[in-house]
Amino acid sequence: MGGEDVDKEVWPPWLNSLLRTTFFVPCKFHGDSTKNECNMYCLDCMNGPLCSSCLVSHTNHHAIQIRRSSYHDVIRVSEIQRVLDISGVQTYVINSAKVVFLNERPQPRPGKGVTNMCKVCDRSLLDTFAFCSLGCKLAGCASSLSKRRRKSMPTQSISGMDDSISNFQRNGDRNSTSNISDHPYDEDSILLDSISPPTPPPTGVNYRTANRRKGIPHRAPMGIC
């Protein structure tokens, strides 16, 4: 199975939308309702936050409830682990329920004696976890996938990059007044040599001015009293 297929299987299409959604705002459709706070999300429709009144239109859909802890969105492990692999994400017990955070939480400085931190945001973690939230796991795994793709780049692409650099160096040799091949290869020096104009030779006036010696100063004769 290819890397892209694995990536699509691990991350369902609703995850990015869920992490970008703002919850606990008044519902724009049921503002007059007493329970108009949007703390639900439909994994089937992916059409933004929902309030309890909105669920009437999502009876047969898979809706999950978002909760809050210290002004951050969390979801119960019992709900999310049925539809998403949360291995490696640190869990917390809040109100006697095990939860995970949706997005990273800024931490000014790590605590003393911390030996394990989140691979994305450097938040202090227990030793058995690698990420502090679902968002950090998504970002961390996407970064690892990108690194694996770069390592598996075909040799034809790498050789093509080398050919382009060689052509650029040969063009610099023809256009520059100095022989670049006599010096160690440096892309920055080639770029400067090909752009900056050569320094003009000193003219005759400049040469005489540069070699003119300063005369010996003489004191003015003293006046007669």
C-alpha atoms as a PDB file:
ATOM      1  CA  MET A   1       0.000   0.000   0.000  1.00  0.00           C
ATOM      2  CA  GLY A   2       1.444   3.402  -0.996  1.00  0.00           C
ATOM      3  CA  GLY A   3       2.188   6.244   1.396  1.00  0.00           C
ATOM      4  CA  GLU A   4      -0.639   8.407   0.065  1.00  0.00           C
ATOM      5  CA  ASP A   5      -3.183   5.618   0.589  1.00  0.00           C
ATOM      6  CA  VAL A   6      -2.000   5.158   4.160  1.00  0.00           C
ATOM      7  CA  ASP A   7      -2.266   8.888   4.767  1.00  0.00           C
ATOM      8  CA  LYS A   8      -5.857   8.968   3.507  1.00  0.00           C
ATOM      9  CA  GLU A   9      -6.771   5.966   5.649  1.00  0.00           C
ATOM     10  CA  VAL A  10      -5.282   7.368   8.860  1.00  0.00           C
ATOM     11  CA  TRP A  11      -6.722  10.874   8.515  1.00  0.00           C
ATOM     12  CA  PRO A  12     -10.440  10.959   7.649  1.00  0.00           C
ATOM     13  CA  PRO A  13     -11.717  13.902   5.574  1.00  0.00           C
ATOM     14  CA  TRP A  14     -13.539  15.488   8.519  1.00  0.00           C
ATOM     15  CA  LEU A  15     -10.492  15.849  10.785  1.00  0.00           C
ATOM     16  CA  ASN A  16      -9.064  19.052   9.297  1.00  0.00           C
ATOM     17  CA  SER A  17     -12.495  20.667   9.312  1.00  0.00           C
ATOM     18  CA  LEU A  18     -13.068  19.628  12.924  1.00  0.00           C
ATOM     19  CA  LEU A  19      -9.762  21.120  14.103  1.00  0.00           C
ATOM     20  CA  ARG A  20     -10.472  24.433  12.360  1.00  0.00           C
ATOM     21  CA  THR A  21     -14.028  24.776  13.693  1.00  0.00           C
ATOM     22  CA  THR A  22     -14.801  27.308  16.420  1.00  0.00           C
ATOM     23  CA  PHE A  23     -17.144  25.897  19.038  1.00  0.00           C
ATOM     24  CA  PHE A  24     -19.141  27.356  21.936  1.00  0.00           C
ATOM     25  CA  VAL A  25     -20.557  30.223  19.907  1.00  0.00           C
ATOM     26  CA  PRO A  26     -24.280  31.057  19.516  1.00  0.00           C
ATOM     27  CA  CYS A  27     -25.995  29.123  16.756  1.00  0.00           C
ATOM     28  CA  LYS A  28     -26.797  31.296  13.746  1.00  0.00           C
ATOM     29  CA  PHE A  29     -29.961  29.306  13.046  1.00  0.00           C
ATOM     30  CA  HIS A  30     -31.361  28.897  16.591  1.00  0.00           C
ATOM     31  CA  GLY A  31     -30.282  32.095  18.314  1.00  0.00           C
ATOM     32  CA  ASP A  32     -33.598  32.392  20.161  1.00  0.00           C
ATOM     33  CA  SER A  33     -33.286  28.922  21.698  1.00  0.00           C
ATOM     34  CA  THR A  34     -32.264  28.574  25.336  1.00  0.00           C
ATOM     35  CA  LYS A  35     -29.659  25.969  24.340  1.00  0.00           C
ATOM     36  CA  ASN A  36     -28.128  27.669  21.324  1.00  0.00           C
ATOM     37  CA  GLU A  37     -24.481  27.014  22.193  1.00  0.00           C
ATOM     38  CA  CYS A  38     -22.694  25.116  19.426  1.00  0.00           C
ATOM     39  CA  ASN A  39     -20.836  22.210  20.967  1.00  0.00           C
ATOM     40  CA  MET A  40     -21.657  19.428  18.491  1.00  0.00           C
ATOM     41  CA  TYR A  41     -20.112  18.402  15.180  1.00  0.00           C
ATOM     42  CA  CYS A  42     -21.430  16.101  12.461  1.00  0.00           C
ATOM     43  CA  LEU A  43     -18.757  13.866  10.962  1.00  0.00           C
ATOM     44  CA  ASP A  44     -20.961  13.075   7.973  1.00  0.00           C
ATOM     45  CA  CYS A  45     -21.917  16.616   6.924  1.00  0.00           C
ATOM     46  CA  MET A  46     -18.785  18.530   8.052  1.00  0.00           C
ATOM     47  CA  ASN A  47     -20.766  21.782   7.867  1.00  0.00           C
ATOM     48  CA  GLY A  48     -19.568  23.580  10.993  1.00  0.00           C
ATOM     49  CA  PRO A  49     -20.589  23.579  14.660  1.00  0.00           C
ATOM     50  CA  LEU A  50     -24.070  22.525  15.689  1.00  0.00           C
ATOM     51  CA  CYS A  51     -26.291  23.195  18.662  1.00  0.00           C
ATOM     52  CA  SER A  52     -28.680  20.722  20.257  1.00  0.00           C
ATOM     53  CA  SER A  53     -31.557  22.037  18.129  1.00  0.00           C
ATOM     54  CA  CYS A  54     -29.565  21.395  14.946  1.00  0.00           C
ATOM     55  CA  LEU A  55     -29.314  17.691  15.757  1.00  0.00           C
ATOM     56  CA  VAL A  56     -32.907  17.202  14.628  1.00  0.00           C
ATOM     57  CA  SER A  57     -31.613  17.362  11.042  1.00  0.00           C
ATOM     58  CA  HIS A  58     -28.790  14.908  11.796  1.00  0.00           C
ATOM     59  CA  THR A  59     -30.719  12.082  13.422  1.00  0.00           C
ATOM     60  CA  ASN A  60     -29.060   9.253  11.497  1.00  0.00           C
ATOM     61  CA  HIS A  61     -25.634  10.921  11.297  1.00  0.00           C
ATOM     62  CA  HIS A  62     -22.527  10.459  13.401  1.00  0.00           C
ATOM     63  CA  ALA A  63     -22.382  13.524  15.653  1.00  0.00           C
ATOM     64  CA  ILE A  64     -19.854  14.043  18.422  1.00  0.00           C
ATOM     65  CA  GLN A  65     -19.866  16.428  21.382  1.00  0.00           C
ATOM     66  CA  ILE A  66     -17.056  18.878  22.107  1.00  0.00           C
ATOM     67  CA  ARG A  67     -16.335  19.935  25.682  1.00  0.00           C
ATOM     68  CA  ARG A  68     -14.170  22.627  27.240  1.00  0.00           C
ATOM     69  CA  SER A  69     -11.322  22.540  29.715  1.00  0.00           C
ATOM     70  CA  SER A  70      -9.418  25.705  30.648  1.00  0.00           C
ATOM     71  CA  TYR A  71     -10.767  27.459  27.536  1.00  0.00           C
ATOM     72  CA  HIS A  72      -9.556  24.671  25.253  1.00  0.00           C
ATOM     73  CA  ASP A  73     -11.655  22.201  23.275  1.00  0.00           C
ATOM     74  CA  VAL A  74     -11.534  18.540  24.281  1.00  0.00           C
ATOM     75  CA  ILE A  75     -13.362  15.388  23.292  1.00  0.00           C
ATOM     76  CA  ARG A  76     -13.932  12.232  25.249  1.00  0.00           C
ATOM     77  CA  VAL A  77     -11.722   9.300  24.360  1.00  0.00           C
ATOM     78  CA  SER A  78     -14.732   6.979  24.339  1.00  0.00           C
ATOM     79  CA  GLU A  79     -16.203   8.996  21.422  1.00  0.00           C
ATOM     80  CA  ILE A  80     -13.178   9.766  19.290  1.00  0.00           C
ATOM     81  CA  GLN A  81     -11.301   6.482  19.521  1.00  0.00           C
ATOM     82  CA  ARG A  82     -14.138   4.714  17.692  1.00  0.00           C
ATOM     83  CA  VAL A  83     -13.519   6.770  14.549  1.00  0.00           C
ATOM     84  CA  LEU A  84      -9.865   7.865  14.832  1.00  0.00           C
ATOM     85  CA  ASP A  85      -6.522   6.396  15.864  1.00  0.00           C
ATOM     86  CA  ILE A  86      -5.403   8.498  18.842  1.00  0.00           C
ATOM     87  CA  SER A  87      -2.365   6.421  19.805  1.00  0.00           C
ATOM     88  CA  GLY A  88       0.530   8.607  20.931  1.00  0.00           C
ATOM     89  CA  VAL A  89      -1.746  11.483  22.018  1.00  0.00           C
ATOM     90  CA  GLN A  90      -1.679  12.198  25.757  1.00  0.00           C
ATOM     91  CA  THR A  91      -4.991  11.708  27.542  1.00  0.00           C
ATOM     92  CA  TYR A  92      -6.278  13.585  30.580  1.00  0.00           C
ATOM     93  CA  VAL A  93      -8.972  12.839  33.145  1.00  0.00           C
ATOM     94  CA  ILE A  94     -11.438  15.721  33.471  1.00  0.00           C
ATOM     95  CA  ASN A  95     -14.694  15.362  35.411  1.00  0.00           C
ATOM     96  CA  SER A  96     -14.054  11.619  35.791  1.00  0.00           C
ATOM     97  CA  ALA A  97     -13.829  11.184  32.002  1.00  0.00           C
ATOM     98  CA  LYS A  98     -10.747  10.553  29.894  1.00  0.00           C
ATOM     99  CA  VAL A  99     -10.338  13.196  27.185  1.00  0.00           C
ATOM    100  CA  VAL A 100      -7.875  14.418  24.540  1.00  0.00           C
ATOM    101  CA  PHE A 101      -7.338  17.988  23.392  1.00  0.00           C
ATOM    102  CA  LEU A 102      -8.191  18.961  19.821  1.00  0.00           C
ATOM    103  CA  ASN A 103      -5.431  21.508  19.246  1.00  0.00           C
ATOM    104  CA  GLU A 104      -2.102  22.455  20.774  1.00  0.00           C
ATOM    105  CA  ARG A 105      -1.937  24.641  23.868  1.00  0.00           C
ATOM    106  CA  PRO A 106       0.839  27.242  24.067  1.00  0.00           C
ATOM    107  CA  GLN A 107       3.292  26.697  26.914  1.00  0.00           C
ATOM    108  CA  PRO A 108       5.713  29.546  27.731  1.00  0.00           C
ATOM    109  CA  ARG A 109       8.440  27.321  29.125  1.00  0.00           C
ATOM    110  CA  PRO A 110       8.818  23.611  29.908  1.00  0.00           C
ATOM    111  CA  GLY A 111       8.729  22.518  33.517  1.00  0.00           C
ATOM    112  CA  LYS A 112      11.826  21.620  35.464  1.00  0.00           C
ATOM    113  CA  GLY A 113      13.086  18.092  34.996  1.00  0.00           C
ATOM    114  CA  VAL A 114      10.975  17.517  31.866  1.00  0.00           C
ATOM    115  CA  THR A 115      12.332  14.603  29.841  1.00  0.00           C
ATOM    116  CA  ASN A 116       9.598  14.250  27.205  1.00  0.00           C
ATOM    117  CA  MET A 117       7.922  16.923  25.105  1.00  0.00           C
ATOM    118  CA  CYS A 118       5.436  17.100  22.254  1.00  0.00           C
ATOM    119  CA  LYS A 119       7.185  16.600  18.916  1.00  0.00           C
ATOM    120  CA  VAL A 120       5.368  19.597  17.426  1.00  0.00           C
ATOM    121  CA  CYS A 121       4.801  22.287  20.090  1.00  0.00           C
ATOM    122  CA  ASP A 122       7.305  21.125  22.802  1.00  0.00           C
ATOM    123  CA  ARG A 123       4.673  20.906  25.515  1.00  0.00           C
ATOM    124  CA  SER A 124       5.603  18.764  28.506  1.00  0.00           C
ATOM    125  CA  LEU A 125       4.248  15.228  28.245  1.00  0.00           C
ATOM    126  CA  LEU A 126       4.371  11.942  30.060  1.00  0.00           C
ATOM    127  CA  ASP A 127       7.039   9.586  28.789  1.00  0.00           C
ATOM    128  CA  THR A 128       4.576   7.267  27.062  1.00  0.00           C
ATOM    129  CA  PHE A 129       3.154   9.930  24.680  1.00  0.00           C
ATOM    130  CA  ALA A 130       4.492  11.820  21.672  1.00  0.00           C
ATOM    131  CA  PHE A 131       1.820  14.477  21.032  1.00  0.00           C
ATOM    132  CA  CYS A 132      -0.268  16.733  23.246  1.00  0.00           C
ATOM    133  CA  SER A 133      -3.303  16.973  20.950  1.00  0.00           C
ATOM    134  CA  LEU A 134      -4.938  15.623  17.809  1.00  0.00           C
ATOM    135  CA  GLY A 135      -3.768  18.654  15.850  1.00  0.00           C
ATOM    136  CA  CYS A 136      -0.149  18.087  16.862  1.00  0.00           C
ATOM    137  CA  LYS A 137      -0.326  14.445  15.831  1.00  0.00           C
ATOM    138  CA  LEU A 138      -1.741  15.434  12.447  1.00  0.00           C
ATOM    139  CA  ALA A 139       1.039  18.001  11.928  1.00  0.00           C
ATOM    140  CA  GLY A 140       3.778  15.686  13.211  1.00  0.00           C
ATOM    141  CA  CYS A 141       2.785  12.722  11.071  1.00  0.00           C
ATOM    142  CA  ALA A 142       2.382  14.927   7.979  1.00  0.00           C
ATOM    143  CA  SER A 143       5.899  16.270   8.537  1.00  0.00           C
ATOM    144  CA  SER A 144       7.300  12.755   8.889  1.00  0.00           C
ATOM    145  CA  LEU A 145       5.534  11.702   5.689  1.00  0.00           C
ATOM    146  CA  SER A 146       7.051  14.666   3.841  1.00  0.00           C
ATOM    147  CA  LYS A 147      10.544  13.738   5.049  1.00  0.00           C
ATOM    148  CA  ARG A 148      10.056  10.141   3.895  1.00  0.00           C
ATOM    149  CA  ARG A 149       8.977  11.353   0.452  1.00  0.00           C
ATOM    150  CA  ARG A 150      12.076  13.568   0.141  1.00  0.00           C
ATOM    151  CA  LYS A 151      14.331  10.662   1.093  1.00  0.00           C
ATOM    152  CA  SER A 152      12.668   8.471  -1.542  1.00  0.00           C
ATOM    153  CA  MET A 153      13.091  11.087  -4.323  1.00  0.00           C
ATOM    154  CA  PRO A 154      14.188   9.377  -7.587  1.00  0.00           C
ATOM    155  CA  THR A 155      17.826   9.745  -8.525  1.00  0.00           C
ATOM    156  CA  GLN A 156      16.750  11.243 -11.877  1.00  0.00           C
ATOM    157  CA  SER A 157      15.385  14.287 -10.057  1.00  0.00           C
ATOM    158  CA  ILE A 158      18.589  14.719  -8.077  1.00  0.00           C
ATOM    159  CA  SER A 159      20.743  14.373 -11.214  1.00  0.00           C
ATOM    160  CA  GLY A 160      18.546  16.906 -12.965  1.00  0.00           C
ATOM    161  CA  MET A 161      19.210  19.389 -10.155  1.00  0.00           C
ATOM    162  CA  ASP A 162      22.957  18.774 -10.534  1.00  0.00           C
ATOM    163  CA  ASP A 163      22.757  19.400 -14.298  1.00  0.00           C
ATOM    164  CA  SER A 164      20.978  22.699 -13.713  1.00  0.00           C
ATOM    165  CA  ILE A 165      23.660  23.796 -11.272  1.00  0.00           C
ATOM    166  CA  SER A 166      26.403  22.799 -13.734  1.00  0.00           C
ATOM    167  CA  ASN A 167      24.761  24.781 -16.552  1.00  0.00           C
ATOM    168  CA  PHE A 168      24.440  27.792 -14.293  1.00  0.00           C
ATOM    169  CA  GLN A 169      28.118  27.527 -13.385  1.00  0.00           C
ATOM    170  CA  ARG A 170      29.193  27.310 -17.063  1.00  0.00           C
ATOM    171  CA  ASN A 171      27.142  30.390 -17.926  1.00  0.00           C
ATOM    172  CA  GLY A 172      28.806  32.244 -15.078  1.00  0.00           C
ATOM    173  CA  ASP A 173      32.243  31.290 -16.475  1.00  0.00           C
ATOM    174  CA  ARG A 174      31.415  32.769 -19.872  1.00  0.00           C
ATOM    175  CA  ASN A 175      29.929  36.011 -18.538  1.00  0.00           C
ATOM    176  CA  SER A 176      32.288  36.775 -15.669  1.00  0.00           C
ATOM    177  CA  THR A 177      35.648  38.502 -16.101  1.00  0.00           C
ATOM    178  CA  SER A 178      37.239  36.196 -13.540  1.00  0.00           C
ATOM    179  CA  ASN A 179      37.696  32.434 -13.787  1.00  0.00           C
ATOM    180  CA  ILE A 180      35.250  30.943 -11.252  1.00  0.00           C
ATOM    181  CA  SER A 181      36.545  27.399 -11.812  1.00  0.00           C
ATOM    182  CA  ASP A 182      39.781  28.353 -10.025  1.00  0.00           C
ATOM    183  CA  HIS A 183      37.854  28.773  -6.754  1.00  0.00           C
ATOM    184  CA  PRO A 184      35.790  26.322  -4.636  1.00  0.00           C
ATOM    185  CA  TYR A 185      32.208  26.023  -5.863  1.00  0.00           C
ATOM    186  CA  ASP A 186      29.928  28.524  -4.118  1.00  0.00           C
ATOM    187  CA  GLU A 187      26.463  29.338  -5.443  1.00  0.00           C
ATOM    188  CA  ASP A 188      26.426  32.729  -3.691  1.00  0.00           C
ATOM    189  CA  SER A 189      29.736  33.821  -5.218  1.00  0.00           C
ATOM    190  CA  ILE A 190      28.560  32.733  -8.696  1.00  0.00           C
ATOM    191  CA  LEU A 191      25.363  34.715  -8.281  1.00  0.00           C
ATOM    192  CA  LEU A 192      27.243  37.845  -7.226  1.00  0.00           C
ATOM    193  CA  ASP A 193      29.798  37.537 -10.050  1.00  0.00           C
ATOM    194  CA  SER A 194      27.089  37.156 -12.684  1.00  0.00           C
ATOM    195  CA  ILE A 195      25.050  40.144 -11.449  1.00  0.00           C
ATOM    196  CA  SER A 196      27.585  42.740 -10.219  1.00  0.00           C
ATOM    197  CA  PRO A 197      29.413  44.709 -12.981  1.00  0.00           C
ATOM    198  CA  PRO A 198      33.229  44.496 -13.049  1.00  0.00           C
ATOM    199  CA  THR A 199      35.149  47.254 -11.284  1.00  0.00           C
ATOM    200  CA  PRO A 200      36.369  49.802 -13.888  1.00  0.00           C
ATOM    201  CA  PRO A 201      40.141  50.403 -14.112  1.00  0.00           C
ATOM    202  CA  PRO A 202      41.418  53.676 -12.622  1.00  0.00           C
ATOM    203  CA  THR A 203      41.509  56.542 -15.091  1.00  0.00           C
ATOM    204  CA  GLY A 204      44.527  58.772 -15.670  1.00  0.00           C
ATOM    205  CA  VAL A 205      43.073  61.547 -13.533  1.00  0.00           C
ATOM    206  CA  ASN A 206      42.298  59.201 -10.716  1.00  0.00           C
ATOM    207  CA  TYR A 207      45.770  57.670 -10.994  1.00  0.00           C
ATOM    208  CA  ARG A 208      47.542  61.053 -10.727  1.00  0.00           C
ATOM    209  CA  THR A 209      45.267  62.104  -7.903  1.00  0.00           C
ATOM    210  CA  ALA A 210      45.938  58.891  -6.022  1.00  0.00           C
ATOM    211  CA  ASN A 211      49.752  59.285  -6.406  1.00  0.00           C
ATOM    212  CA  ARG A 212      49.987  63.032  -5.744  1.00  0.00           C
ATOM    213  CA  ARG A 213      52.134  63.667  -2.681  1.00  0.00           C
ATOM    214  CA  LYS A 214      51.241  66.312  -0.226  1.00  0.00           C
ATOM    215  CA  GLY A 215      53.649  69.288  -0.192  1.00  0.00           C
ATOM    216  CA  ILE A 216      55.724  70.278   2.812  1.00  0.00           C
ATOM    217  CA  PRO A 217      53.884  72.949   4.812  1.00  0.00           C
ATOM    218  CA  HIS A 218      55.695  76.279   5.412  1.00  0.00           C
ATOM    219  CA  ARG A 219      55.045  78.737   8.182  1.00  0.00           C
ATOM    220  CA  ALA A 220      54.071  82.227   7.197  1.00  0.00           C
ATOM    221  CA  PRO A 221      56.779  84.882   7.887  1.00  0.00           C
ATOM    222  CA  MET A 222      56.394  86.716  11.124  1.00  0.00           C
ATOM    223  CA  GLY A 223      55.271  90.328  10.852  1.00  0.00           C
ATOM    224  CA  ILE A 224      57.683  93.180  11.774  1.00  0.00           C
ATOM    225  CA  CYS A 225      56.731  94.981  14.951  1.00  0.00           C
END
